[in-house]
Amino acid sequence: MAFSCVTRYVFSILPLLVILTITPLSSSLSPGDKVTTELLNQLCAKPPIDNITFCVWQTSYAITVSLDLGGLVDMVLEKTRVFGNMNLSAMKELAAATTTNPYLKDTYEICVIDYELAVTAIEGAQEFARSKSYELVPQAASKALDIISSCEADLKDLKLKNVGAYSIRNSVFEKMCNIGSVFSNVLTS
């Protein structure tokens, strides 16, 4: 009788032991995890990413599947930095070319400063990612997002038709900063 109780107990716990040995102890991702389409879809579905299609488009390149998660974060941050620098150049040109409307000129000049700070924050995030200081990457990426959101609000306040294209470019940069922030946050969770 005692033997049957022990047998039942062992056989009832055996499936649990098998599951525990097969399943990893943590479902968190590590920087060395390989990037797959499923992983990209999973990352792009994380809040606060509000445009999954944009996120998947932004990250779906042939090179992406040869990267690990740390490399993906670096790639996203590099693309964000490059696009931010392009927007910075455009804002500088707008600020220099605007001479008749002082409010408009001031707004562009403030956005130039915002872009300089945001691009610097993205560069800082890249340095942290490359030095494997992953806990600092999301903070720097979020800082860029916060800074550039200020420029976005200023551009929307203008409500001028000729500002629309720059507001759209700014919105794209803002989404890129958000993706960088969310992706890099995964490295620390």
C-alpha atoms as a PDB file:
ATOM      1  CA  MET A   1       0.000   0.000   0.000  1.00  0.00           C
ATOM      2  CA  ALA A   2       2.801   2.395   0.863  1.00  0.00           C
ATOM      3  CA  PHE A   3       4.445   1.535  -2.391  1.00  0.00           C
ATOM      4  CA  SER A   4       1.356   2.483  -4.412  1.00  0.00           C
ATOM      5  CA  CYS A   5       1.141   5.898  -2.699  1.00  0.00           C
ATOM      6  CA  VAL A   6       4.761   6.624  -3.532  1.00  0.00           C
ATOM      7  CA  THR A   7       4.265   5.413  -7.083  1.00  0.00           C
ATOM      8  CA  ARG A   8       1.181   7.590  -7.541  1.00  0.00           C
ATOM      9  CA  TYR A   9       3.022  10.579  -6.078  1.00  0.00           C
ATOM     10  CA  VAL A  10       6.057  10.100  -8.353  1.00  0.00           C
ATOM     11  CA  PHE A  11       3.919   9.595 -11.435  1.00  0.00           C
ATOM     12  CA  SER A  12       1.783  12.642 -10.612  1.00  0.00           C
ATOM     13  CA  ILE A  13       4.840  14.884 -10.252  1.00  0.00           C
ATOM     14  CA  LEU A  14       6.779  13.360 -13.162  1.00  0.00           C
ATOM     15  CA  PRO A  15       4.982  15.379 -15.905  1.00  0.00           C
ATOM     16  CA  LEU A  16       5.710  18.579 -13.999  1.00  0.00           C
ATOM     17  CA  LEU A  17       9.401  17.694 -13.780  1.00  0.00           C
ATOM     18  CA  VAL A  18       9.536  16.941 -17.508  1.00  0.00           C
ATOM     19  CA  ILE A  19       7.901  20.309 -18.320  1.00  0.00           C
ATOM     20  CA  LEU A  20      10.301  22.155 -16.027  1.00  0.00           C
ATOM     21  CA  THR A  21      13.338  20.589 -17.657  1.00  0.00           C
ATOM     22  CA  ILE A  22      12.108  21.415 -21.162  1.00  0.00           C
ATOM     23  CA  THR A  23      10.845  24.932 -20.434  1.00  0.00           C
ATOM     24  CA  PRO A  24      13.432  27.638 -19.766  1.00  0.00           C
ATOM     25  CA  LEU A  25      13.324  29.129 -16.305  1.00  0.00           C
ATOM     26  CA  SER A  26      12.668  32.584 -17.679  1.00  0.00           C
ATOM     27  CA  SER A  27      10.771  33.802 -20.686  1.00  0.00           C
ATOM     28  CA  SER A  28      12.835  36.975 -20.860  1.00  0.00           C
ATOM     29  CA  LEU A  29      15.028  37.608 -23.843  1.00  0.00           C
ATOM     30  CA  SER A  30      18.768  38.015 -23.774  1.00  0.00           C
ATOM     31  CA  PRO A  31      20.983  40.137 -26.051  1.00  0.00           C
ATOM     32  CA  GLY A  32      22.389  36.993 -27.661  1.00  0.00           C
ATOM     33  CA  ASP A  33      19.000  35.631 -28.766  1.00  0.00           C
ATOM     34  CA  LYS A  34      18.730  35.330 -32.543  1.00  0.00           C
ATOM     35  CA  VAL A  35      16.204  37.539 -34.320  1.00  0.00           C
ATOM     36  CA  THR A  36      13.351  35.731 -36.030  1.00  0.00           C
ATOM     37  CA  THR A  37      10.216  36.970 -37.752  1.00  0.00           C
ATOM     38  CA  GLU A  38       8.220  35.741 -34.770  1.00  0.00           C
ATOM     39  CA  LEU A  39      10.443  37.679 -32.373  1.00  0.00           C
ATOM     40  CA  LEU A  40      10.047  40.853 -34.460  1.00  0.00           C
ATOM     41  CA  ASN A  41       6.272  40.453 -34.454  1.00  0.00           C
ATOM     42  CA  GLN A  42       6.345  39.855 -30.706  1.00  0.00           C
ATOM     43  CA  LEU A  43       8.502  42.943 -30.082  1.00  0.00           C
ATOM     44  CA  CYS A  44       6.427  45.143 -32.392  1.00  0.00           C
ATOM     45  CA  ALA A  45       3.260  44.148 -30.531  1.00  0.00           C
ATOM     46  CA  LYS A  46       4.613  45.453 -27.225  1.00  0.00           C
ATOM     47  CA  PRO A  47       3.019  48.593 -25.815  1.00  0.00           C
ATOM     48  CA  PRO A  48       3.517  51.525 -26.221  1.00  0.00           C
ATOM     49  CA  ILE A  49       4.305  50.798 -29.895  1.00  0.00           C
ATOM     50  CA  ASP A  50       1.128  52.055 -31.495  1.00  0.00           C
ATOM     51  CA  ASN A  51       1.865  51.233 -35.125  1.00  0.00           C
ATOM     52  CA  ILE A  52       2.785  47.578 -35.526  1.00  0.00           C
ATOM     53  CA  THR A  53       2.936  47.850 -39.329  1.00  0.00           C
ATOM     54  CA  PHE A  54       5.477  50.690 -39.154  1.00  0.00           C
ATOM     55  CA  CYS A  55       7.532  48.766 -36.591  1.00  0.00           C
ATOM     56  CA  VAL A  56       7.627  45.583 -38.677  1.00  0.00           C
ATOM     57  CA  TRP A  57       8.460  47.585 -41.821  1.00  0.00           C
ATOM     58  CA  GLN A  58      11.218  49.438 -39.948  1.00  0.00           C
ATOM     59  CA  THR A  59      12.872  46.232 -38.784  1.00  0.00           C
ATOM     60  CA  SER A  60      12.217  43.769 -41.608  1.00  0.00           C
ATOM     61  CA  TYR A  61      15.434  43.755 -43.578  1.00  0.00           C
ATOM     62  CA  ALA A  62      17.340  40.751 -44.873  1.00  0.00           C
ATOM     63  CA  ILE A  63      20.202  41.517 -42.495  1.00  0.00           C
ATOM     64  CA  THR A  64      17.878  41.502 -39.486  1.00  0.00           C
ATOM     65  CA  VAL A  65      17.555  37.711 -39.337  1.00  0.00           C
ATOM     66  CA  SER A  66      21.332  37.376 -39.120  1.00  0.00           C
ATOM     67  CA  LEU A  67      21.438  39.560 -35.999  1.00  0.00           C
ATOM     68  CA  ASP A  68      21.010  38.804 -32.354  1.00  0.00           C
ATOM     69  CA  LEU A  69      18.737  40.951 -30.191  1.00  0.00           C
ATOM     70  CA  GLY A  70      21.617  43.233 -29.148  1.00  0.00           C
ATOM     71  CA  GLY A  71      22.488  43.767 -32.826  1.00  0.00           C
ATOM     72  CA  LEU A  72      18.846  44.480 -33.637  1.00  0.00           C
ATOM     73  CA  VAL A  73      18.709  47.181 -30.975  1.00  0.00           C
ATOM     74  CA  ASP A  74      21.922  48.679 -32.345  1.00  0.00           C
ATOM     75  CA  MET A  75      20.521  48.609 -35.908  1.00  0.00           C
ATOM     76  CA  VAL A  76      17.281  50.304 -34.826  1.00  0.00           C
ATOM     77  CA  LEU A  77      19.204  52.970 -32.916  1.00  0.00           C
ATOM     78  CA  GLU A  78      21.554  53.573 -35.869  1.00  0.00           C
ATOM     79  CA  LYS A  79      18.657  54.018 -38.286  1.00  0.00           C
ATOM     80  CA  THR A  80      17.013  56.365 -35.782  1.00  0.00           C
ATOM     81  CA  ARG A  81      20.213  58.403 -35.447  1.00  0.00           C
ATOM     82  CA  VAL A  82      20.634  58.712 -39.221  1.00  0.00           C
ATOM     83  CA  PHE A  83      17.013  59.772 -39.715  1.00  0.00           C
ATOM     84  CA  GLY A  84      17.294  62.198 -36.800  1.00  0.00           C
ATOM     85  CA  ASN A  85      20.356  63.801 -38.380  1.00  0.00           C
ATOM     86  CA  MET A  86      18.476  64.173 -41.684  1.00  0.00           C
ATOM     87  CA  ASN A  87      15.610  65.890 -39.852  1.00  0.00           C
ATOM     88  CA  LEU A  88      18.090  68.053 -37.963  1.00  0.00           C
ATOM     89  CA  SER A  89      19.590  69.261 -41.247  1.00  0.00           C
ATOM     90  CA  ALA A  90      16.118  70.034 -42.615  1.00  0.00           C
ATOM     91  CA  MET A  91      15.198  71.969 -39.458  1.00  0.00           C
ATOM     92  CA  LYS A  92      18.415  73.962 -39.657  1.00  0.00           C
ATOM     93  CA  GLU A  93      17.599  74.886 -43.263  1.00  0.00           C
ATOM     94  CA  LEU A  94      14.069  75.911 -42.288  1.00  0.00           C
ATOM     95  CA  ALA A  95      15.306  78.037 -39.413  1.00  0.00           C
ATOM     96  CA  ALA A  96      17.857  79.758 -41.655  1.00  0.00           C
ATOM     97  CA  ALA A  97      15.369  80.318 -44.496  1.00  0.00           C
ATOM     98  CA  THR A  98      12.546  81.680 -42.337  1.00  0.00           C
ATOM     99  CA  THR A  99      12.944  85.421 -41.994  1.00  0.00           C
ATOM    100  CA  THR A 100       9.448  86.932 -42.150  1.00  0.00           C
ATOM    101  CA  ASN A 101       7.668  85.103 -39.329  1.00  0.00           C
ATOM    102  CA  PRO A 102       9.540  85.358 -36.009  1.00  0.00           C
ATOM    103  CA  TYR A 103       7.257  82.824 -34.262  1.00  0.00           C
ATOM    104  CA  LEU A 104       7.876  80.278 -37.009  1.00  0.00           C
ATOM    105  CA  LYS A 105      11.629  80.938 -36.949  1.00  0.00           C
ATOM    106  CA  ASP A 106      11.715  80.539 -33.153  1.00  0.00           C
ATOM    107  CA  THR A 107       9.812  77.265 -33.371  1.00  0.00           C
ATOM    108  CA  TYR A 108      12.238  75.884 -35.959  1.00  0.00           C
ATOM    109  CA  GLU A 109      15.224  77.003 -33.888  1.00  0.00           C
ATOM    110  CA  ILE A 110      13.774  75.305 -30.802  1.00  0.00           C
ATOM    111  CA  CYS A 111      13.268  72.142 -32.870  1.00  0.00           C
ATOM    112  CA  VAL A 112      16.895  72.354 -34.014  1.00  0.00           C
ATOM    113  CA  ILE A 113      17.975  72.319 -30.371  1.00  0.00           C
ATOM    114  CA  ASP A 114      15.548  69.474 -29.645  1.00  0.00           C
ATOM    115  CA  TYR A 115      16.940  67.438 -32.538  1.00  0.00           C
ATOM    116  CA  GLU A 116      20.517  68.042 -31.464  1.00  0.00           C
ATOM    117  CA  LEU A 117      19.660  66.802 -27.968  1.00  0.00           C
ATOM    118  CA  ALA A 118      17.595  63.860 -29.238  1.00  0.00           C
ATOM    119  CA  VAL A 119      20.299  62.695 -31.653  1.00  0.00           C
ATOM    120  CA  THR A 120      22.869  62.999 -28.860  1.00  0.00           C
ATOM    121  CA  ALA A 121      20.620  60.878 -26.619  1.00  0.00           C
ATOM    122  CA  ILE A 122      20.315  58.230 -29.365  1.00  0.00           C
ATOM    123  CA  GLU A 123      24.106  58.238 -29.770  1.00  0.00           C
ATOM    124  CA  GLY A 124      24.365  57.729 -26.011  1.00  0.00           C
ATOM    125  CA  ALA A 125      21.924  54.811 -26.229  1.00  0.00           C
ATOM    126  CA  GLN A 126      24.087  53.291 -28.968  1.00  0.00           C
ATOM    127  CA  GLU A 127      27.206  53.638 -26.837  1.00  0.00           C
ATOM    128  CA  PHE A 128      25.458  51.943 -23.921  1.00  0.00           C
ATOM    129  CA  ALA A 129      24.227  49.118 -26.194  1.00  0.00           C
ATOM    130  CA  ARG A 130      27.656  48.590 -27.721  1.00  0.00           C
ATOM    131  CA  SER A 131      29.307  48.522 -24.302  1.00  0.00           C
ATOM    132  CA  LYS A 132      26.627  46.056 -23.137  1.00  0.00           C
ATOM    133  CA  SER A 133      25.314  48.485 -20.490  1.00  0.00           C
ATOM    134  CA  TYR A 134      21.806  47.422 -21.456  1.00  0.00           C
ATOM    135  CA  GLU A 135      20.125  48.844 -18.353  1.00  0.00           C
ATOM    136  CA  LEU A 136      21.055  52.386 -19.524  1.00  0.00           C
ATOM    137  CA  VAL A 137      19.908  52.003 -23.155  1.00  0.00           C
ATOM    138  CA  PRO A 138      16.153  52.414 -22.546  1.00  0.00           C
ATOM    139  CA  GLN A 139      16.736  55.523 -20.446  1.00  0.00           C
ATOM    140  CA  ALA A 140      18.730  57.232 -23.206  1.00  0.00           C
ATOM    141  CA  ALA A 141      16.277  56.155 -25.925  1.00  0.00           C
ATOM    142  CA  SER A 142      13.324  57.359 -23.846  1.00  0.00           C
ATOM    143  CA  LYS A 143      15.088  60.670 -23.282  1.00  0.00           C
ATOM    144  CA  ALA A 144      15.300  61.159 -27.068  1.00  0.00           C
ATOM    145  CA  LEU A 145      11.601  60.347 -27.367  1.00  0.00           C
ATOM    146  CA  ASP A 146      10.674  62.849 -24.665  1.00  0.00           C
ATOM    147  CA  ILE A 147      12.812  65.588 -26.203  1.00  0.00           C
ATOM    148  CA  ILE A 148      11.486  65.144 -29.717  1.00  0.00           C
ATOM    149  CA  SER A 149       7.889  65.025 -28.491  1.00  0.00           C
ATOM    150  CA  SER A 150       8.370  68.650 -27.478  1.00  0.00           C
ATOM    151  CA  CYS A 151       9.279  69.606 -31.061  1.00  0.00           C
ATOM    152  CA  GLU A 152       6.292  67.628 -32.343  1.00  0.00           C
ATOM    153  CA  ALA A 153       3.952  69.560 -30.048  1.00  0.00           C
ATOM    154  CA  ASP A 154       5.455  72.885 -31.172  1.00  0.00           C
ATOM    155  CA  LEU A 155       5.050  71.972 -34.856  1.00  0.00           C
ATOM    156  CA  LYS A 156       1.421  70.922 -34.335  1.00  0.00           C
ATOM    157  CA  ASP A 157       0.736  74.239 -32.603  1.00  0.00           C
ATOM    158  CA  LEU A 158       1.807  76.087 -35.769  1.00  0.00           C
ATOM    159  CA  LYS A 159      -1.076  74.646 -37.812  1.00  0.00           C
ATOM    160  CA  LEU A 160       0.506  75.823 -41.048  1.00  0.00           C
ATOM    161  CA  LYS A 161       0.198  73.853 -44.270  1.00  0.00           C
ATOM    162  CA  ASN A 162       3.882  74.149 -45.181  1.00  0.00           C
ATOM    163  CA  VAL A 163       4.876  72.621 -41.839  1.00  0.00           C
ATOM    164  CA  GLY A 164       2.926  69.403 -42.508  1.00  0.00           C
ATOM    165  CA  ALA A 165       5.781  67.540 -44.195  1.00  0.00           C
ATOM    166  CA  TYR A 166       8.160  68.362 -41.345  1.00  0.00           C
ATOM    167  CA  SER A 167       5.586  67.377 -38.781  1.00  0.00           C
ATOM    168  CA  ILE A 168       5.226  64.012 -40.540  1.00  0.00           C
ATOM    169  CA  ARG A 169       9.013  63.534 -40.624  1.00  0.00           C
ATOM    170  CA  ASN A 170       9.132  64.461 -36.951  1.00  0.00           C
ATOM    171  CA  SER A 171       6.355  61.982 -36.196  1.00  0.00           C
ATOM    172  CA  VAL A 172       8.305  59.221 -37.997  1.00  0.00           C
ATOM    173  CA  PHE A 173      11.405  60.048 -35.951  1.00  0.00           C
ATOM    174  CA  GLU A 174       9.280  59.970 -32.810  1.00  0.00           C
ATOM    175  CA  LYS A 175       7.999  56.476 -33.736  1.00  0.00           C
ATOM    176  CA  MET A 176      11.573  55.338 -34.409  1.00  0.00           C
ATOM    177  CA  CYS A 177      12.671  56.606 -30.981  1.00  0.00           C
ATOM    178  CA  ASN A 178       9.742  54.759 -29.425  1.00  0.00           C
ATOM    179  CA  ILE A 179      10.698  51.493 -31.166  1.00  0.00           C
ATOM    180  CA  GLY A 180      14.293  51.920 -29.975  1.00  0.00           C
ATOM    181  CA  SER A 181      13.077  52.511 -26.447  1.00  0.00           C
ATOM    182  CA  VAL A 182      10.721  49.501 -26.403  1.00  0.00           C
ATOM    183  CA  PHE A 183      13.240  47.139 -28.059  1.00  0.00           C
ATOM    184  CA  SER A 184      16.038  48.186 -25.720  1.00  0.00           C
ATOM    185  CA  ASN A 185      13.730  47.827 -22.720  1.00  0.00           C
ATOM    186  CA  VAL A 186      13.368  44.135 -23.591  1.00  0.00           C
ATOM    187  CA  LEU A 187      17.095  43.676 -22.959  1.00  0.00           C
ATOM    188  CA  THR A 188      16.673  44.603 -19.298  1.00  0.00           C
ATOM    189  CA  SER A 189      13.447  42.791 -18.448  1.00  0.00           C
END
